[in-house]
PDB file of N, CA and C in Angstrom:
ATOM      1  N   UNK A   1     -15.139   3.208  -4.850  1.00  0.00           N
ATOM      2  CA  UNK A   1     -14.985   1.652  -5.679  1.00  0.00           C
ATOM      3  C   UNK A   1     -15.050   2.499  -6.978  1.00  0.00           C
ATOM      4  N   UNK A   2     -14.921   1.940  -8.338  1.00  0.00           N
ATOM      5  CA  UNK A   2     -15.092   2.260  -9.234  1.00  0.00           C
ATOM      6  C   UNK A   2     -16.390   2.359 -10.197  1.00  0.00           C
ATOM      7  N   UNK A   3     -17.171   2.806 -10.550  1.00  0.00           N
ATOM      8  CA  UNK A   3     -18.435   2.720 -11.440  1.00  0.00           C
ATOM      9  C   UNK A   3     -18.456   3.147 -12.635  1.00  0.00           C
ATOM     10  N   UNK A   4     -19.770   2.668 -13.614  1.00  0.00           N
ATOM     11  CA  UNK A   4     -19.540   2.992 -14.690  1.00  0.00           C
ATOM     12  C   UNK A   4     -21.019   2.641 -15.058  1.00  0.00           C
ATOM     13  N   UNK A   5     -22.263   3.676 -15.245  1.00  0.00           N
ATOM     14  CA  UNK A   5     -23.639   3.157 -14.981  1.00  0.00           C
ATOM     15  C   UNK A   5     -23.876   2.370 -14.330  1.00  0.00           C
ATOM     16  N   UNK A   6     -23.896   2.613 -12.998  1.00  0.00           N
ATOM     17  CA  UNK A   6     -24.085   1.879 -11.883  1.00  0.00           C
ATOM     18  C   UNK A   6     -23.830   0.826 -11.423  1.00  0.00           C
ATOM     19  N   UNK A   7     -22.850   0.045 -13.057  1.00  0.00           N
ATOM     20  CA  UNK A   7     -21.939  -0.929 -12.547  1.00  0.00           C
ATOM     21  C   UNK A   7     -20.691  -1.295 -11.752  1.00  0.00           C
ATOM     22  N   UNK A   8     -20.413  -1.722 -11.200  1.00  0.00           N
ATOM     23  CA  UNK A   8     -18.767  -1.416 -10.107  1.00  0.00           C
ATOM     24  C   UNK A   8     -18.008  -2.468 -11.305  1.00  0.00           C
ATOM     25  N   UNK A   9     -17.171  -1.365 -11.396  1.00  0.00           N
ATOM     26  CA  UNK A   9     -15.724  -1.892 -12.075  1.00  0.00           C
ATOM     27  C   UNK A   9     -14.729  -1.885 -11.842  1.00  0.00           C
ATOM     28  N   UNK A  10     -14.492  -1.452 -10.296  1.00  0.00           N
ATOM     29  CA  UNK A  10     -13.052  -1.764  -9.332  1.00  0.00           C
ATOM     30  C   UNK A  10     -13.271  -1.184  -7.956  1.00  0.00           C
ATOM     31  N   UNK A  11     -12.547  -1.666  -6.971  1.00  0.00           N
ATOM     32  CA  UNK A  11     -12.560  -1.114  -6.233  1.00  0.00           C
ATOM     33  C   UNK A  11     -11.155  -1.459  -5.068  1.00  0.00           C
ATOM     34  N   UNK A  12     -10.602  -0.098  -4.237  1.00  0.00           N
ATOM     35  CA  UNK A  12      -9.618  -0.254  -3.621  1.00  0.00           C
ATOM     36  C   UNK A  12      -9.805  -0.735  -2.021  1.00  0.00           C
ATOM     37  N   UNK A  13      -9.044  -1.042  -1.490  1.00  0.00           N
ATOM     38  CA  UNK A  13      -9.626  -1.198   0.147  1.00  0.00           C
ATOM     39  C   UNK A  13      -8.103  -1.191   0.886  1.00  0.00           C
ATOM     40  N   UNK A  14      -8.470  -0.567   2.048  1.00  0.00           N
ATOM     41  CA  UNK A  14      -6.902  -0.151   2.649  1.00  0.00           C
ATOM     42  C   UNK A  14      -7.685  -0.568   4.055  1.00  0.00           C
ATOM     43  N   UNK A  15      -6.619  -1.019   4.947  1.00  0.00           N
ATOM     44  CA  UNK A  15      -6.925  -1.670   6.193  1.00  0.00           C
ATOM     45  C   UNK A  15      -5.732  -1.350   7.051  1.00  0.00           C
ATOM     46  N   UNK A  16      -6.346  -1.171   8.418  1.00  0.00           N
ATOM     47  CA  UNK A  16      -4.898  -0.988   9.915  1.00  0.00           C
ATOM     48  C   UNK A  16      -4.635  -2.118   9.602  1.00  0.00           C
ATOM     49  N   UNK A  17      -3.089  -1.626   9.425  1.00  0.00           N
ATOM     50  CA  UNK A  17      -1.937  -2.799   9.857  1.00  0.00           C
ATOM     51  C   UNK A  17      -0.937  -2.163  10.599  1.00  0.00           C
ATOM     52  N   UNK A  18       0.087  -2.393  11.320  1.00  0.00           N
ATOM     53  CA  UNK A  18       1.411  -1.797  12.022  1.00  0.00           C
ATOM     54  C   UNK A  18       2.510  -2.773  11.718  1.00  0.00           C
ATOM     55  N   UNK A  19       3.690  -1.834  12.085  1.00  0.00           N
ATOM     56  CA  UNK A  19       4.761  -2.695  11.563  1.00  0.00           C
ATOM     57  C   UNK A  19       5.381  -2.934  13.474  1.00  0.00           C
ATOM     58  N   UNK A  20       5.479  -3.925  13.948  1.00  0.00           N
ATOM     59  CA  UNK A  20       6.339  -4.360  15.229  1.00  0.00           C
ATOM     60  C   UNK A  20       7.686  -4.102  15.313  1.00  0.00           C
ATOM     61  N   UNK A  21       7.983  -2.915  16.017  1.00  0.00           N
ATOM     62  CA  UNK A  21       9.302  -3.136  16.147  1.00  0.00           C
ATOM     63  C   UNK A  21      10.383  -3.654  17.036  1.00  0.00           C
ATOM     64  N   UNK A  22      11.144  -3.613  16.860  1.00  0.00           N
ATOM     65  CA  UNK A  22      12.302  -4.710  17.316  1.00  0.00           C
ATOM     66  C   UNK A  22      11.830  -4.266  18.795  1.00  0.00           C
ATOM     67  N   UNK A  23      11.479  -3.098  19.659  1.00  0.00           N
ATOM     68  CA  UNK A  23      11.535  -2.394  21.356  1.00  0.00           C
ATOM     69  C   UNK A  23      10.328  -2.983  22.003  1.00  0.00           C
ATOM     70  N   UNK A  24       9.371  -3.872  20.161  1.00  0.00           N
ATOM     71  CA  UNK A  24       8.007  -3.990  20.873  1.00  0.00           C
ATOM     72  C   UNK A  24       6.688  -3.099  20.623  1.00  0.00           C
ATOM     73  N   UNK A  25       7.015  -2.195  20.450  1.00  0.00           N
ATOM     74  CA  UNK A  25       6.210  -0.884  19.379  1.00  0.00           C
ATOM     75  C   UNK A  25       5.145  -1.039  18.392  1.00  0.00           C
ATOM     76  N   UNK A  26       4.257  -0.107  18.375  1.00  0.00           N
ATOM     77  CA  UNK A  26       4.070  -0.334  16.591  1.00  0.00           C
ATOM     78  C   UNK A  26       4.090   0.450  16.249  1.00  0.00           C
ATOM     79  N   UNK A  27       4.594   0.809  14.805  1.00  0.00           N
ATOM     80  CA  UNK A  27       4.273   2.287  13.927  1.00  0.00           C
ATOM     81  C   UNK A  27       2.782   1.955  13.119  1.00  0.00           C
ATOM     82  N   UNK A  28       1.883   2.040  13.259  1.00  0.00           N
ATOM     83  CA  UNK A  28       0.504   2.281  13.054  1.00  0.00           C
ATOM     84  C   UNK A  28       0.552   2.810  11.229  1.00  0.00           C
ATOM     85  N   UNK A  29      -0.143   2.056  10.448  1.00  0.00           N
ATOM     86  CA  UNK A  29      -0.016   2.173   8.736  1.00  0.00           C
ATOM     87  C   UNK A  29      -1.282   1.466   8.657  1.00  0.00           C
ATOM     88  N   UNK A  30      -1.043   1.400   7.086  1.00  0.00           N
ATOM     89  CA  UNK A  30      -2.283   0.683   6.182  1.00  0.00           C
ATOM     90  C   UNK A  30      -1.894  -0.363   5.217  1.00  0.00           C
ATOM     91  N   UNK A  31      -2.628  -1.284   5.405  1.00  0.00           N
ATOM     92  CA  UNK A  31      -2.093  -2.192   4.106  1.00  0.00           C
ATOM     93  C   UNK A  31      -3.036  -2.062   2.755  1.00  0.00           C
ATOM     94  N   UNK A  32      -2.694  -1.837   1.724  1.00  0.00           N
ATOM     95  CA  UNK A  32      -3.801  -1.796   0.697  1.00  0.00           C
ATOM     96  C   UNK A  32      -3.740  -3.390  -0.334  1.00  0.00           C
ATOM     97  N   UNK A  33      -5.326  -3.937  -0.216  1.00  0.00           N
ATOM     98  CA  UNK A  33      -5.268  -5.281  -0.590  1.00  0.00           C
ATOM     99  C   UNK A  33      -6.959  -5.576  -0.594  1.00  0.00           C
ATOM    100  N   UNK A  34      -7.376  -5.396  -1.436  1.00  0.00           N
ATOM    101  CA  UNK A  34      -6.916  -5.737  -2.876  1.00  0.00           C
ATOM    102  C   UNK A  34      -7.461  -4.370  -3.746  1.00  0.00           C
ATOM    103  N   UNK A  35      -6.728  -4.301  -4.658  1.00  0.00           N
ATOM    104  CA  UNK A  35      -6.908  -2.829  -6.091  1.00  0.00           C
ATOM    105  C   UNK A  35      -7.214  -4.168  -6.777  1.00  0.00           C
ATOM    106  N   UNK A  36      -8.580  -4.011  -7.469  1.00  0.00           N
ATOM    107  CA  UNK A  36      -9.145  -4.727  -8.944  1.00  0.00           C
ATOM    108  C   UNK A  36     -10.068  -4.018  -9.581  1.00  0.00           C
ATOM    109  N   UNK A  37      -9.579  -4.222 -10.853  1.00  0.00           N
ATOM    110  CA  UNK A  37     -10.351  -3.579 -12.240  1.00  0.00           C
ATOM    111  C   UNK A  37     -11.443  -4.488 -12.954  1.00  0.00           C
ATOM    112  N   UNK A  38     -12.312  -4.493 -13.213  1.00  0.00           N
ATOM    113  CA  UNK A  38     -12.742  -5.609 -14.176  1.00  0.00           C
ATOM    114  C   UNK A  38     -12.127  -5.904 -15.373  1.00  0.00           C
ATOM    115  N   UNK A  39     -11.600  -7.018 -16.055  1.00  0.00           N
ATOM    116  CA  UNK A  39     -10.817  -7.132 -16.987  1.00  0.00           C
ATOM    117  C   UNK A  39     -10.884  -6.008 -18.412  1.00  0.00           C
ATOM    118  N   UNK A  40     -12.280  -6.302 -18.619  1.00  0.00           N
ATOM    119  CA  UNK A  40     -12.511  -5.708 -19.991  1.00  0.00           C
ATOM    120  C   UNK A  40     -12.493  -4.061 -19.560  1.00  0.00           C
ATOM    121  N   UNK A  41     -12.143  -3.785 -18.365  1.00  0.00           N
ATOM    122  CA  UNK A  41     -12.020  -1.989 -17.839  1.00  0.00           C
ATOM    123  C   UNK A  41     -10.697  -1.172 -17.538  1.00  0.00           C
ATOM    124  N   UNK A  42      -9.611  -2.686 -18.001  1.00  0.00           N
ATOM    125  CA  UNK A  42      -8.436  -2.356 -17.583  1.00  0.00           C
ATOM    126  C   UNK A  42      -7.555  -1.546 -18.432  1.00  0.00           C
ATOM    127  N   UNK A  43      -6.671  -0.852 -18.537  1.00  0.00           N
ATOM    128  CA  UNK A  43      -5.766   0.113 -18.898  1.00  0.00           C
ATOM    129  C   UNK A  43      -6.302   1.326 -19.542  1.00  0.00           C
ATOM    130  N   UNK A  44      -6.802   1.278 -18.457  1.00  0.00           N
ATOM    131  CA  UNK A  44      -8.182   3.248 -19.078  1.00  0.00           C
ATOM    132  C   UNK A  44      -8.103   3.972 -17.943  1.00  0.00           C
ATOM    133  N   UNK A  45      -6.647   3.627 -17.042  1.00  0.00           N
ATOM    134  CA  UNK A  45      -6.610   4.569 -15.883  1.00  0.00           C
ATOM    135  C   UNK A  45      -7.565   4.092 -14.415  1.00  0.00           C
ATOM    136  N   UNK A  46      -8.242   3.134 -14.496  1.00  0.00           N
ATOM    137  CA  UNK A  46      -9.052   3.309 -13.416  1.00  0.00           C
ATOM    138  C   UNK A  46      -8.092   2.862 -12.157  1.00  0.00           C
ATOM    139  N   UNK A  47      -7.335   1.996 -12.110  1.00  0.00           N
ATOM    140  CA  UNK A  47      -6.633   1.467 -11.354  1.00  0.00           C
ATOM    141  C   UNK A  47      -5.569   2.434 -10.705  1.00  0.00           C
ATOM    142  N   UNK A  48      -5.530   3.157 -11.550  1.00  0.00           N
ATOM    143  CA  UNK A  48      -4.525   4.486 -11.158  1.00  0.00           C
ATOM    144  C   UNK A  48      -5.243   6.030 -10.359  1.00  0.00           C
ATOM    145  N   UNK A  49      -6.907   5.754 -10.664  1.00  0.00           N
ATOM    146  CA  UNK A  49      -7.035   6.319 -10.324  1.00  0.00           C
ATOM    147  C   UNK A  49      -8.144   6.022  -8.671  1.00  0.00           C
ATOM    148  N   UNK A  50      -8.172   4.927  -8.625  1.00  0.00           N
ATOM    149  CA  UNK A  50      -8.771   4.475  -7.132  1.00  0.00           C
ATOM    150  C   UNK A  50      -7.399   4.655  -6.604  1.00  0.00           C
ATOM    151  N   UNK A  51      -6.103   4.250  -6.733  1.00  0.00           N
ATOM    152  CA  UNK A  51      -4.980   4.148  -6.134  1.00  0.00           C
ATOM    153  C   UNK A  51      -4.353   5.200  -5.892  1.00  0.00           C
ATOM    154  N   UNK A  52      -5.075   6.970  -6.755  1.00  0.00           N
ATOM    155  CA  UNK A  52      -4.582   8.050  -6.188  1.00  0.00           C
ATOM    156  C   UNK A  52      -5.645   8.632  -5.085  1.00  0.00           C
ATOM    157  N   UNK A  53      -6.824   8.082  -5.154  1.00  0.00           N
ATOM    158  CA  UNK A  53      -7.689   8.958  -4.263  1.00  0.00           C
ATOM    159  C   UNK A  53      -8.048   8.044  -3.285  1.00  0.00           C
ATOM    160  N   UNK A  54      -7.378   6.607  -2.923  1.00  0.00           N
ATOM    161  CA  UNK A  54      -7.075   6.166  -2.043  1.00  0.00           C
ATOM    162  C   UNK A  54      -5.831   7.354  -0.793  1.00  0.00           C
ATOM    163  N   UNK A  55      -4.364   7.238  -1.739  1.00  0.00           N
ATOM    164  CA  UNK A  55      -3.518   7.833  -0.666  1.00  0.00           C
ATOM    165  C   UNK A  55      -3.967   8.957  -0.488  1.00  0.00           C
ATOM    166  N   UNK A  56      -4.828  10.269  -1.141  1.00  0.00           N
ATOM    167  CA  UNK A  56      -5.077  10.855  -0.646  1.00  0.00           C
ATOM    168  C   UNK A  56      -6.209  11.188   0.615  1.00  0.00           C
ATOM    169  N   UNK A  57      -7.246  10.170   0.509  1.00  0.00           N
ATOM    170  CA  UNK A  57      -8.025   9.895   1.710  1.00  0.00           C
ATOM    171  C   UNK A  57      -7.244   9.253   2.835  1.00  0.00           C
ATOM    172  N   UNK A  58      -6.313   8.500   2.579  1.00  0.00           N
ATOM    173  CA  UNK A  58      -5.364   8.074   3.955  1.00  0.00           C
ATOM    174  C   UNK A  58      -4.211   9.261   4.305  1.00  0.00           C
ATOM    175  N   UNK A  59      -3.990   9.912   3.388  1.00  0.00           N
ATOM    176  CA  UNK A  59      -3.237  10.913   3.958  1.00  0.00           C
ATOM    177  C   UNK A  59      -4.413  12.150   4.953  1.00  0.00           C
ATOM    178  N   UNK A  60      -5.474  12.336   4.420  1.00  0.00           N
ATOM    179  CA  UNK A  60      -6.641  13.351   5.047  1.00  0.00           C
ATOM    180  C   UNK A  60      -7.185  12.680   6.146  1.00  0.00           C
ATOM    181  N   UNK A  61      -6.879  11.582   6.009  1.00  0.00           N
ATOM    182  CA  UNK A  61      -6.994  10.560   7.614  1.00  0.00           C
ATOM    183  C   UNK A  61      -6.401  10.553   8.836  1.00  0.00           C
ATOM    184  N   UNK A  62      -5.195  11.116   8.218  1.00  0.00           N
ATOM    185  CA  UNK A  62      -3.630  11.205   9.495  1.00  0.00           C
ATOM    186  C   UNK A  62      -2.960   9.844   9.122  1.00  0.00           C
ATOM    187  N   UNK A  63      -3.058   8.760   8.192  1.00  0.00           N
ATOM    188  CA  UNK A  63      -1.929   7.952   8.092  1.00  0.00           C
ATOM    189  C   UNK A  63      -0.742   8.533   7.405  1.00  0.00           C
ATOM    190  N   UNK A  64       0.361   7.602   7.922  1.00  0.00           N
ATOM    191  CA  UNK A  64       1.809   8.265   7.331  1.00  0.00           C
ATOM    192  C   UNK A  64       2.012   7.186   6.672  1.00  0.00           C
ATOM    193  N   UNK A  65       1.929   6.363   6.188  1.00  0.00           N
ATOM    194  CA  UNK A  65       2.355   4.488   5.518  1.00  0.00           C
ATOM    195  C   UNK A  65       1.691   4.341   5.034  1.00  0.00           C
ATOM    196  N   UNK A  66       1.608   3.300   3.353  1.00  0.00           N
ATOM    197  CA  UNK A  66       0.988   1.795   3.117  1.00  0.00           C
ATOM    198  C   UNK A  66       1.669   1.433   2.559  1.00  0.00           C
ATOM    199  N   UNK A  67       0.945   0.017   2.947  1.00  0.00           N
ATOM    200  CA  UNK A  67       2.329  -1.011   2.699  1.00  0.00           C
ATOM    201  C   UNK A  67       1.183  -2.114   1.503  1.00  0.00           C
ATOM    202  N   UNK A  68       2.291  -2.433   0.798  1.00  0.00           N
ATOM    203  CA  UNK A  68       1.254  -3.269  -0.218  1.00  0.00           C
ATOM    204  C   UNK A  68       1.973  -4.356  -0.923  1.00  0.00           C
ATOM    205  N   UNK A  69       1.467  -5.468  -1.010  1.00  0.00           N
ATOM    206  CA  UNK A  69       2.029  -6.680  -1.721  1.00  0.00           C
ATOM    207  C   UNK A  69       1.604  -6.834  -3.572  1.00  0.00           C
ATOM    208  N   UNK A  70       2.372  -6.616  -4.370  1.00  0.00           N
ATOM    209  CA  UNK A  70       2.438  -6.140  -5.731  1.00  0.00           C
ATOM    210  C   UNK A  70       3.247  -6.176  -6.670  1.00  0.00           C
ATOM    211  N   UNK A  71       3.289  -5.993  -7.830  1.00  0.00           N
ATOM    212  CA  UNK A  71       4.364  -6.010  -9.484  1.00  0.00           C
ATOM    213  C   UNK A  71       5.159  -4.178  -8.668  1.00  0.00           C
ATOM    214  N   UNK A  72       6.282  -4.583  -8.566  1.00  0.00           N
ATOM    215  CA  UNK A  72       7.378  -3.340  -8.208  1.00  0.00           C
ATOM    216  C   UNK A  72       6.921  -2.407  -9.291  1.00  0.00           C
ATOM    217  N   UNK A  73       7.095  -3.089 -10.567  1.00  0.00           N
ATOM    218  CA  UNK A  73       6.537  -2.678 -12.189  1.00  0.00           C
ATOM    219  C   UNK A  73       5.552  -1.362 -12.413  1.00  0.00           C
ATOM    220  N   UNK A  74       4.666  -1.611 -11.216  1.00  0.00           N
ATOM    221  CA  UNK A  74       3.155  -1.148 -11.613  1.00  0.00           C
ATOM    222  C   UNK A  74       2.962  -0.115 -10.269  1.00  0.00           C
ATOM    223  N   UNK A  75       3.541  -0.630  -9.625  1.00  0.00           N
ATOM    224  CA  UNK A  75       3.145   0.234  -8.487  1.00  0.00           C
ATOM    225  C   UNK A  75       4.632   1.016  -8.002  1.00  0.00           C
ATOM    226  N   UNK A  76       5.472   0.955  -8.513  1.00  0.00           N
ATOM    227  CA  UNK A  76       6.378   2.673  -8.358  1.00  0.00           C
ATOM    228  C   UNK A  76       5.915   3.622  -9.072  1.00  0.00           C
ATOM    229  N   UNK A  77       5.267   3.865  -9.890  1.00  0.00           N
ATOM    230  CA  UNK A  77       4.587   5.030 -10.212  1.00  0.00           C
ATOM    231  C   UNK A  77       3.603   5.812  -9.462  1.00  0.00           C
ATOM    232  N   UNK A  78       3.469   5.180  -8.334  1.00  0.00           N
ATOM    233  CA  UNK A  78       2.811   5.638  -7.064  1.00  0.00           C
ATOM    234  C   UNK A  78       3.842   6.115  -6.159  1.00  0.00           C
ATOM    235  N   UNK A  79       5.289   5.575  -6.024  1.00  0.00           N
ATOM    236  CA  UNK A  79       6.283   5.928  -5.170  1.00  0.00           C
ATOM    237  C   UNK A  79       6.433   5.156  -4.359  1.00  0.00           C
ATOM    238  N   UNK A  80       5.665   3.620  -4.452  1.00  0.00           N
ATOM    239  CA  UNK A  80       6.253   2.844  -3.475  1.00  0.00           C
ATOM    240  C   UNK A  80       7.193   2.377  -3.858  1.00  0.00           C
ATOM    241  N   UNK A  81       8.058   1.750  -2.645  1.00  0.00           N
ATOM    242  CA  UNK A  81       9.493   0.989  -2.906  1.00  0.00           C
ATOM    243  C   UNK A  81       9.366   0.387  -1.645  1.00  0.00           C
ATOM    244  N   UNK A  82      10.513  -0.837  -1.910  1.00  0.00           N
ATOM    245  CA  UNK A  82      10.517  -2.088  -1.157  1.00  0.00           C
ATOM    246  C   UNK A  82      10.585  -1.478   0.326  1.00  0.00           C
ATOM    247  N   UNK A  83      10.383  -2.460   0.779  1.00  0.00           N
ATOM    248  CA  UNK A  83      10.320  -2.398   2.379  1.00  0.00           C
ATOM    249  C   UNK A  83      11.905  -2.766   3.273  1.00  0.00           C
ATOM    250  N   UNK A  84      12.709  -3.059   2.346  1.00  0.00           N
ATOM    251  CA  UNK A  84      13.818  -3.753   3.117  1.00  0.00           C
ATOM    252  C   UNK A  84      14.274  -2.456   2.975  1.00  0.00           C
ATOM    253  N   UNK A  85      14.659  -1.523   2.121  1.00  0.00           N
ATOM    254  CA  UNK A  85      14.868  -0.181   1.774  1.00  0.00           C
ATOM    255  C   UNK A  85      15.171   0.656   2.961  1.00  0.00           C
ATOM    256  N   UNK A  86      13.881   0.460   4.448  1.00  0.00           N
ATOM    257  CA  UNK A  86      13.704   0.911   5.484  1.00  0.00           C
ATOM    258  C   UNK A  86      13.717   0.524   6.586  1.00  0.00           C
ATOM    259  N   UNK A  87      14.728  -1.020   6.030  1.00  0.00           N
ATOM    260  CA  UNK A  87      14.891  -2.126   7.442  1.00  0.00           C
ATOM    261  C   UNK A  87      13.317  -2.334   7.758  1.00  0.00           C
ATOM    262  N   UNK A  88      12.078  -2.573   7.404  1.00  0.00           N
ATOM    263  CA  UNK A  88      11.454  -3.029   7.634  1.00  0.00           C
ATOM    264  C   UNK A  88      10.954  -4.661   6.711  1.00  0.00           C
ATOM    265  N   UNK A  89      10.725  -6.081   7.379  1.00  0.00           N
ATOM    266  CA  UNK A  89      10.794  -7.188   6.573  1.00  0.00           C
ATOM    267  C   UNK A  89       9.214  -7.953   6.952  1.00  0.00           C
ATOM    268  N   UNK A  90       8.886  -8.538   6.189  1.00  0.00           N
ATOM    269  CA  UNK A  90       7.702  -9.112   6.010  1.00  0.00           C
ATOM    270  C   UNK A  90       7.880 -10.753   6.574  1.00  0.00           C
ATOM    271  N   UNK A  91       7.038 -11.382   7.615  1.00  0.00           N
ATOM    272  CA  UNK A  91       6.957 -12.192   8.174  1.00  0.00           C
ATOM    273  C   UNK A  91       6.436 -13.354   7.281  1.00  0.00           C
ATOM    274  N   UNK A  92       5.952 -13.146   6.066  1.00  0.00           N
ATOM    275  CA  UNK A  92       5.011 -13.713   4.989  1.00  0.00           C
ATOM    276  C   UNK A  92       5.960 -15.052   4.410  1.00  0.00           C
ATOM    277  N   UNK A  93       6.964 -14.207   4.556  1.00  0.00           N
ATOM    278  CA  UNK A  93       7.925 -15.333   2.813  1.00  0.00           C
ATOM    279  C   UNK A  93       7.823 -14.703   1.880  1.00  0.00           C
ATOM    280  N   UNK A  94       7.467 -13.833   1.379  1.00  0.00           N
ATOM    281  CA  UNK A  94       7.620 -13.628  -0.029  1.00  0.00           C
ATOM    282  C   UNK A  94       8.535 -12.774  -0.187  1.00  0.00           C
ATOM    283  N   UNK A  95       8.887 -13.149  -1.906  1.00  0.00           N
ATOM    284  CA  UNK A  95      10.188 -12.266  -2.332  1.00  0.00           C
ATOM    285  C   UNK A  95      10.017 -11.200  -1.791  1.00  0.00           C
ATOM    286  N   UNK A  96      11.021 -10.609  -0.962  1.00  0.00           N
ATOM    287  CA  UNK A  96      11.321  -8.835  -0.638  1.00  0.00           C
ATOM    288  C   UNK A  96      10.623  -8.000  -2.180  1.00  0.00           C
ATOM    289  N   UNK A  97      11.581  -8.443  -2.906  1.00  0.00           N
ATOM    290  CA  UNK A  97      10.468  -6.817  -3.881  1.00  0.00           C
ATOM    291  C   UNK A  97       9.645  -6.532  -3.948  1.00  0.00           C
ATOM    292  N   UNK A  98       8.557  -7.555  -3.733  1.00  0.00           N
ATOM    293  CA  UNK A  98       7.165  -7.240  -3.735  1.00  0.00           C
ATOM    294  C   UNK A  98       6.784  -6.580  -2.588  1.00  0.00           C
ATOM    295  N   UNK A  99       7.288  -6.570  -1.563  1.00  0.00           N
ATOM    296  CA  UNK A  99       6.599  -6.069  -0.288  1.00  0.00           C
ATOM    297  C   UNK A  99       7.096  -4.799  -0.398  1.00  0.00           C
ATOM    298  N   UNK A 100       6.096  -3.370  -0.197  1.00  0.00           N
ATOM    299  CA  UNK A 100       6.707  -2.502  -0.726  1.00  0.00           C
ATOM    300  C   UNK A 100       5.540  -1.249   0.001  1.00  0.00           C
ATOM    301  N   UNK A 101       6.187  -0.253   0.133  1.00  0.00           N
ATOM    302  CA  UNK A 101       6.011   0.367   0.924  1.00  0.00           C
ATOM    303  C   UNK A 101       5.637   2.122   0.867  1.00  0.00           C
ATOM    304  N   UNK A 102       4.626   2.934   1.035  1.00  0.00           N
ATOM    305  CA  UNK A 102       4.824   4.469   0.325  1.00  0.00           C
ATOM    306  C   UNK A 102       4.547   5.174   1.286  1.00  0.00           C
ATOM    307  N   UNK A 103       5.901   6.134   1.892  1.00  0.00           N
ATOM    308  CA  UNK A 103       5.610   7.483   3.041  1.00  0.00           C
ATOM    309  C   UNK A 103       4.669   8.324   2.458  1.00  0.00           C
ATOM    310  N   UNK A 104       3.700   8.406   2.758  1.00  0.00           N
ATOM    311  CA  UNK A 104       2.152   9.168   2.837  1.00  0.00           C
ATOM    312  C   UNK A 104       3.131  10.630   3.775  1.00  0.00           C
ATOM    313  N   UNK A 105       3.645  10.569   4.546  1.00  0.00           N
ATOM    314  CA  UNK A 105       4.343  11.686   5.404  1.00  0.00           C
ATOM    315  C   UNK A 105       5.883  11.342   4.459  1.00  0.00           C
ATOM    316  N   UNK A 106       6.559  12.588   4.117  1.00  0.00           N
ATOM    317  CA  UNK A 106       7.849  12.473   3.743  1.00  0.00           C
ATOM    318  C   UNK A 106       8.743  12.091   4.993  1.00  0.00           C
ATOM    319  N   UNK A 107      10.070  11.249   5.126  1.00  0.00           N
ATOM    320  CA  UNK A 107      10.722  10.703   6.114  1.00  0.00           C
ATOM    321  C   UNK A 107      10.441   9.857   6.562  1.00  0.00           C
ATOM    322  N   UNK A 108       8.540   9.466   7.250  1.00  0.00           N
ATOM    323  CA  UNK A 108       8.103   9.087   8.222  1.00  0.00           C
ATOM    324  C   UNK A 108       8.465   7.573   8.864  1.00  0.00           C
ATOM    325  N   UNK A 109       9.421   7.092   7.860  1.00  0.00           N
ATOM    326  CA  UNK A 109       9.959   6.181   8.040  1.00  0.00           C
ATOM    327  C   UNK A 109      11.709   6.439   8.704  1.00  0.00           C
ATOM    328  N   UNK A 110      11.989   6.975   8.684  1.00  0.00           N
ATOM    329  CA  UNK A 110      13.107   7.651   9.231  1.00  0.00           C
ATOM    330  C   UNK A 110      12.974   6.713  11.078  1.00  0.00           C
ATOM    331  N   UNK A 111      14.037   5.755  11.316  1.00  0.00           N
ATOM    332  CA  UNK A 111      13.884   4.961  12.377  1.00  0.00           C
ATOM    333  C   UNK A 111      13.166   3.753  12.552  1.00  0.00           C
ATOM    334  N   UNK A 112      12.020   3.514  11.835  1.00  0.00           N
ATOM    335  CA  UNK A 112      11.099   2.529  12.000  1.00  0.00           C
ATOM    336  C   UNK A 112      11.722   1.215  11.225  1.00  0.00           C
ATOM    337  N   UNK A 113      11.721   0.284  11.798  1.00  0.00           N
ATOM    338  CA  UNK A 113      12.439  -0.865  11.343  1.00  0.00           C
ATOM    339  C   UNK A 113      11.398  -2.259  12.135  1.00  0.00           C
ATOM    340  N   UNK A 114      11.524  -3.251  11.409  1.00  0.00           N
ATOM    341  CA  UNK A 114      10.473  -4.504  12.385  1.00  0.00           C
ATOM    342  C   UNK A 114       9.748  -4.759  11.024  1.00  0.00           C
ATOM    343  N   UNK A 115       8.707  -5.992  11.865  1.00  0.00           N
ATOM    344  CA  UNK A 115       8.103  -6.777  10.513  1.00  0.00           C
ATOM    345  C   UNK A 115       7.323  -6.241  10.638  1.00  0.00           C
ATOM    346  N   UNK A 116       6.445  -6.352   9.194  1.00  0.00           N
ATOM    347  CA  UNK A 116       5.121  -6.135   8.587  1.00  0.00           C
ATOM    348  C   UNK A 116       4.738  -7.285   8.311  1.00  0.00           C
ATOM    349  N   UNK A 117       3.490  -7.683   8.895  1.00  0.00           N
ATOM    350  CA  UNK A 117       2.598  -8.964   8.658  1.00  0.00           C
ATOM    351  C   UNK A 117       1.329  -8.530   7.447  1.00  0.00           C
ATOM    352  N   UNK A 118       1.875  -8.519   5.926  1.00  0.00           N
ATOM    353  CA  UNK A 118       0.901  -8.577   4.974  1.00  0.00           C
ATOM    354  C   UNK A 118       0.017  -8.995   4.380  1.00  0.00           C
ATOM    355  N   UNK A 119       0.147 -10.438   4.992  1.00  0.00           N
ATOM    356  CA  UNK A 119      -1.283 -11.606   4.363  1.00  0.00           C
ATOM    357  C   UNK A 119      -1.825 -12.344   5.600  1.00  0.00           C
TER     358      UNK A 119
END
């Protein structure tokens, strides 16, 4: 969470998810949802600080990838890329450019394909 003078001004949450691969096995990962900052506190770097903190925490806990649905123009600055580049699709019907993943460990998605349930 992000607070200012005891007031909650933003938060991020990551929950467990998995990619179901064609052979039926699962690749465990995280799903980022939501990332939020109160309107009057936006454009101050709070969302970026929350995202960077969540990424660091996820890495320290041993997670290897984090998925999200969001604006590529915003999330690409953290290294998120379209899941379809890795052979991973969403079953939600969301346009593929908005379904993104960040490898928390480099090259961790090599050989991982399948379906992510991100909604």
